[in-house]
Amino acid sequence: MLSPRTVSSHLYNVYPKLGVSNRNQLRHLLGDR
């Protein structure tokens, strides 16, 4: 099981690569596919 801290860390590192800055933008990006 992953800790919430681990997940947050990975998301923080991935956001800039996807061009998003928060979970709402990520959700919107993935929802448009």
C-alpha atoms as a PDB file:
ATOM      1  CA  MET A   1       0.000   0.000   0.000  1.00  0.00           C
ATOM      2  CA  LEU A   2       1.242   3.478  -0.861  1.00  0.00           C
ATOM      3  CA  SER A   3       1.152   6.236   1.676  1.00  0.00           C
ATOM      4  CA  PRO A   4      -0.689   9.449   0.777  1.00  0.00           C
ATOM      5  CA  ARG A   5       2.635  11.245   1.075  1.00  0.00           C
ATOM      6  CA  THR A   6       4.195   9.023  -1.604  1.00  0.00           C
ATOM      7  CA  VAL A   7       1.289   9.616  -3.971  1.00  0.00           C
ATOM      8  CA  SER A   8       1.440  13.375  -3.373  1.00  0.00           C
ATOM      9  CA  SER A   9       5.157  13.378  -4.070  1.00  0.00           C
ATOM     10  CA  HIS A  10       4.744  11.542  -7.375  1.00  0.00           C
ATOM     11  CA  LEU A  11       1.889  13.808  -8.460  1.00  0.00           C
ATOM     12  CA  TYR A  12       3.937  16.893  -7.565  1.00  0.00           C
ATOM     13  CA  ASN A  13       6.746  15.655  -9.830  1.00  0.00           C
ATOM     14  CA  VAL A  14       4.424  14.735 -12.706  1.00  0.00           C
ATOM     15  CA  TYR A  15       2.264  17.894 -12.807  1.00  0.00           C
ATOM     16  CA  PRO A  16       4.863  20.112 -14.535  1.00  0.00           C
ATOM     17  CA  LYS A  17       5.478  17.450 -17.194  1.00  0.00           C
ATOM     18  CA  LEU A  18       1.757  17.365 -17.983  1.00  0.00           C
ATOM     19  CA  GLY A  19       1.407  21.137 -17.892  1.00  0.00           C
ATOM     20  CA  VAL A  20      -0.975  21.152 -14.936  1.00  0.00           C
ATOM     21  CA  SER A  21      -0.656  22.587 -11.450  1.00  0.00           C
ATOM     22  CA  ASN A  22      -3.384  20.833  -9.481  1.00  0.00           C
ATOM     23  CA  ARG A  23      -5.678  17.811  -9.392  1.00  0.00           C
ATOM     24  CA  ASN A  24      -8.609  19.665 -10.946  1.00  0.00           C
ATOM     25  CA  GLN A  25      -6.561  20.533 -14.020  1.00  0.00           C
ATOM     26  CA  LEU A  26      -5.307  16.945 -14.200  1.00  0.00           C
ATOM     27  CA  ARG A  27      -8.877  15.632 -13.957  1.00  0.00           C
ATOM     28  CA  HIS A  28      -9.941  18.033 -16.722  1.00  0.00           C
ATOM     29  CA  LEU A  29      -7.022  16.952 -18.926  1.00  0.00           C
ATOM     30  CA  LEU A  30      -7.794  13.266 -18.476  1.00  0.00           C
ATOM     31  CA  GLY A  31     -11.524  13.816 -18.854  1.00  0.00           C
ATOM     32  CA  ASP A  32     -11.080  15.396 -22.281  1.00  0.00           C
ATOM     33  CA  ARG A  33      -9.563  12.239 -23.750  1.00  0.00           C
END
